Protein backbone atom coordinates (compact mmCIF):
# COMPACT_ATOMS: atom_id res chain seq x y z
CA MET A 1 49.40 234.97 25.16
CA LYS A 2 51.32 238.15 25.91
CA ASP A 3 48.14 240.25 25.64
CA ALA A 4 46.40 237.94 28.13
CA ALA A 5 49.25 238.35 30.63
CA VAL A 6 49.25 242.14 30.19
CA GLY A 7 45.49 242.20 30.65
CA LYS A 8 45.78 240.13 33.82
CA VAL A 9 48.44 242.50 35.24
CA GLN A 10 46.27 245.50 34.35
CA ARG A 11 43.26 243.99 36.12
CA TRP A 12 45.42 243.19 39.15
CA LEU A 13 46.86 246.74 39.25
CA GLY A 14 43.38 248.23 38.78
CA GLY A 15 42.12 246.07 41.64
CA LEU A 16 45.02 247.17 43.81
CA LEU A 17 44.29 250.82 43.05
CA GLY A 18 40.62 250.17 43.78
CA LEU A 19 41.48 248.60 47.15
CA LEU A 20 43.70 251.58 48.04
CA MET A 21 40.86 253.96 47.17
CA LEU A 22 38.50 251.93 49.36
CA TRP A 23 40.97 251.93 52.26
CA ALA A 24 41.47 255.67 51.95
CA ALA A 25 37.71 256.24 51.80
CA VAL A 26 36.90 254.04 54.79
CA SER A 27 39.71 255.67 56.80
CA LYS A 28 38.22 259.10 56.14
CA LEU A 29 34.61 258.07 56.61
CA ALA A 30 35.45 256.39 59.93
CA ASN A 31 36.98 259.62 61.29
CA PRO A 32 35.47 262.60 59.43
CA THR A 33 36.47 265.17 62.05
CA GLU A 34 40.05 263.91 62.08
CA PHE A 35 40.11 264.03 58.27
CA LEU A 36 38.89 267.63 58.26
CA GLY A 37 41.65 268.45 60.75
CA SER A 38 44.16 266.84 58.39
CA ILE A 39 42.89 269.00 55.55
CA TYR A 40 43.20 272.16 57.68
CA ALA A 41 46.77 271.15 58.60
CA TYR A 42 47.82 271.58 54.96
CA GLN A 43 47.17 275.33 55.40
CA LEU A 44 45.77 275.61 51.90
CA PRO A 45 44.74 279.12 50.82
CA LEU A 46 41.14 278.10 50.23
CA PRO A 47 37.90 279.07 51.99
CA HIS A 48 36.96 276.89 54.93
CA LEU A 49 33.63 276.06 53.30
CA MET A 50 35.47 274.61 50.29
CA LEU A 51 37.71 272.54 52.56
CA GLN A 52 34.73 271.33 54.58
CA THR A 53 32.92 270.37 51.37
CA ALA A 54 36.00 268.49 50.19
CA ALA A 55 36.14 266.63 53.52
CA VAL A 56 32.56 265.47 53.02
CA VAL A 57 32.63 264.71 49.28
CA LEU A 58 36.13 263.32 48.76
CA PRO A 59 35.74 260.07 50.76
CA TRP A 60 32.53 259.22 48.90
CA VAL A 61 34.16 259.83 45.51
CA GLU A 62 37.09 257.64 46.59
CA LEU A 63 34.67 254.94 47.73
CA LEU A 64 32.73 255.04 44.46
CA CYS A 65 35.90 254.97 42.35
CA GLY A 66 37.33 252.09 44.38
CA LEU A 67 34.16 250.06 43.95
CA LEU A 68 34.02 250.80 40.21
CA LEU A 69 37.65 249.77 39.74
CA LEU A 70 37.14 246.55 41.67
CA ALA A 71 33.98 245.74 39.72
CA GLY A 72 35.56 246.66 36.38
CA LEU A 73 32.69 249.05 35.62
CA TRP A 74 33.05 252.53 34.12
CA THR A 75 36.77 252.03 34.40
CA GLU A 76 37.75 255.04 32.29
CA THR A 77 35.53 257.37 34.30
CA ALA A 78 36.81 255.99 37.61
CA LEU A 79 40.42 256.30 36.45
CA ILE A 80 39.88 259.89 35.28
CA LEU A 81 38.49 260.80 38.71
CA VAL A 82 41.24 258.90 40.54
CA THR A 83 43.92 260.55 38.41
CA ALA A 84 42.46 264.01 39.05
CA MET A 85 42.30 263.35 42.80
CA LEU A 86 45.85 262.02 42.87
CA VAL A 87 47.17 265.07 40.99
CA LEU A 88 45.49 267.26 43.62
CA PHE A 89 47.03 265.12 46.35
CA VAL A 90 50.49 265.50 44.76
CA VAL A 91 50.07 269.28 44.71
CA ALA A 92 48.76 269.40 48.30
CA THR A 93 51.41 267.10 49.76
CA GLY A 94 54.14 268.70 47.66
CA GLN A 95 53.39 272.22 48.86
CA ALA A 96 53.18 271.02 52.45
CA TRP A 97 56.52 269.21 52.16
CA VAL A 98 58.25 272.20 50.51
CA ARG A 99 56.89 274.48 53.24
CA GLY A 100 58.24 272.10 55.89
CA LEU A 101 54.87 271.33 57.49
CA GLU A 102 55.23 268.45 59.94
CA ILE A 103 51.82 266.90 59.41
CA ALA A 104 50.33 263.47 58.89
CA CYS A 105 48.95 263.15 55.40
CA GLY A 106 45.49 262.02 56.54
CA CYS A 107 45.23 259.55 53.65
CA PHE A 108 45.18 256.14 55.29
CA ASP A 109 44.32 255.25 58.85
CA LEU A 110 46.98 252.72 59.86
CA THR A 111 45.12 251.97 63.10
CA LEU A 112 42.45 250.19 61.05
CA ILE A 113 44.97 247.40 60.55
CA GLY A 114 46.64 247.75 63.96
CA PHE A 115 49.89 248.89 62.37
CA SER A 116 50.63 252.08 64.32
CA LYS A 117 50.56 250.36 67.71
CA ASN A 118 53.09 247.70 66.73
CA ASN A 119 55.46 249.93 64.72
CA PRO A 120 55.06 253.59 65.74
CA ALA A 121 58.27 254.80 64.04
CA VAL A 122 57.38 253.14 60.74
CA ALA A 123 53.79 254.36 61.02
CA HIS A 124 55.04 257.92 61.58
CA PHE A 125 57.18 257.67 58.43
CA LEU A 126 54.32 256.19 56.37
CA GLU A 127 52.03 259.03 57.48
CA SER A 128 54.63 261.73 56.76
CA VAL A 129 53.95 264.30 54.08
CA ALA A 130 57.21 263.47 52.27
CA PHE A 131 56.28 259.79 51.95
CA ALA A 132 52.73 260.78 50.94
CA PHE A 133 54.13 262.99 48.17
CA PHE A 134 56.18 260.19 46.64
CA ARG A 135 53.41 257.63 47.15
CA ASN A 136 50.97 259.96 45.39
CA LEU A 137 53.42 260.44 42.51
CA LEU A 138 53.70 256.68 42.11
CA LEU A 139 49.93 256.17 42.33
CA THR A 140 49.36 258.98 39.81
CA ALA A 141 51.75 257.28 37.38
CA LEU A 142 49.88 254.00 37.91
CA ALA A 143 46.48 255.65 37.35
CA VAL A 144 47.72 257.39 34.18
CA TYR A 145 49.15 254.10 32.88
CA LEU A 146 45.89 252.26 33.54
CA LEU A 147 43.86 255.09 32.02
CA ARG A 148 45.96 255.12 28.84
CA ARG A 149 45.64 251.34 28.52
CA ALA A 150 41.88 251.49 29.14
CA CYS A 151 41.46 254.20 26.51
CA ARG A 152 43.41 252.16 23.95
CA GLN A 153 41.29 249.09 24.58
CA GLN A 154 37.93 250.82 24.14
CA PRO A 155 36.62 250.67 20.60
CA ARG A 156 36.03 254.15 19.23
CA THR A 157 33.22 254.93 16.85
CA SER A 158 34.36 256.86 13.82
CA LYS A 159 32.07 259.07 11.74
CA ALA A 160 32.16 256.44 9.01
CA ASP A 161 30.91 253.78 11.46
CA ALA A 162 28.26 255.95 13.09
CA PRO A 163 24.68 255.60 11.84
CA GLU A 164 23.43 258.53 9.85
CA HIS A 165 20.63 260.60 11.32
CA SER A 166 18.15 262.07 8.96
CA ALA A 167 16.30 265.24 9.69
CA ALA A 168 13.01 263.81 8.42
């Protein structure tokens, strides 16, 4: 019974992470120029072409990972990609916060749900780089937890179990 409850919580958390990835992707895809501006605001020491490529590719990877997590397909692969992205987000938001950059993180468009009009002060806080840093830390921990659990649940083929191949 306990395993069933843990499995249910894992599926719920995976679905939540998938929904967050979808929201982030749709926010970026709906405003690609604004997202590129958000990336430039981080003042990363990378070539503009690399940043522009990231602005085009990243939302689609987020979308794909979100859909895979929601569908429960290729979960390990999706979680590896999500974890890698979140680690990069932690580094990017962390360096911006340490440097004192007053920027919006560019992660989630709160106007898609009408939030920023009703609560501008709260929306400003939720878009702040400091909040984004801690949110990304929490989401990274969640992704790592889910990835570890997914890896434990997958049956591994040992050499003893693998069929032998003859060189005939």
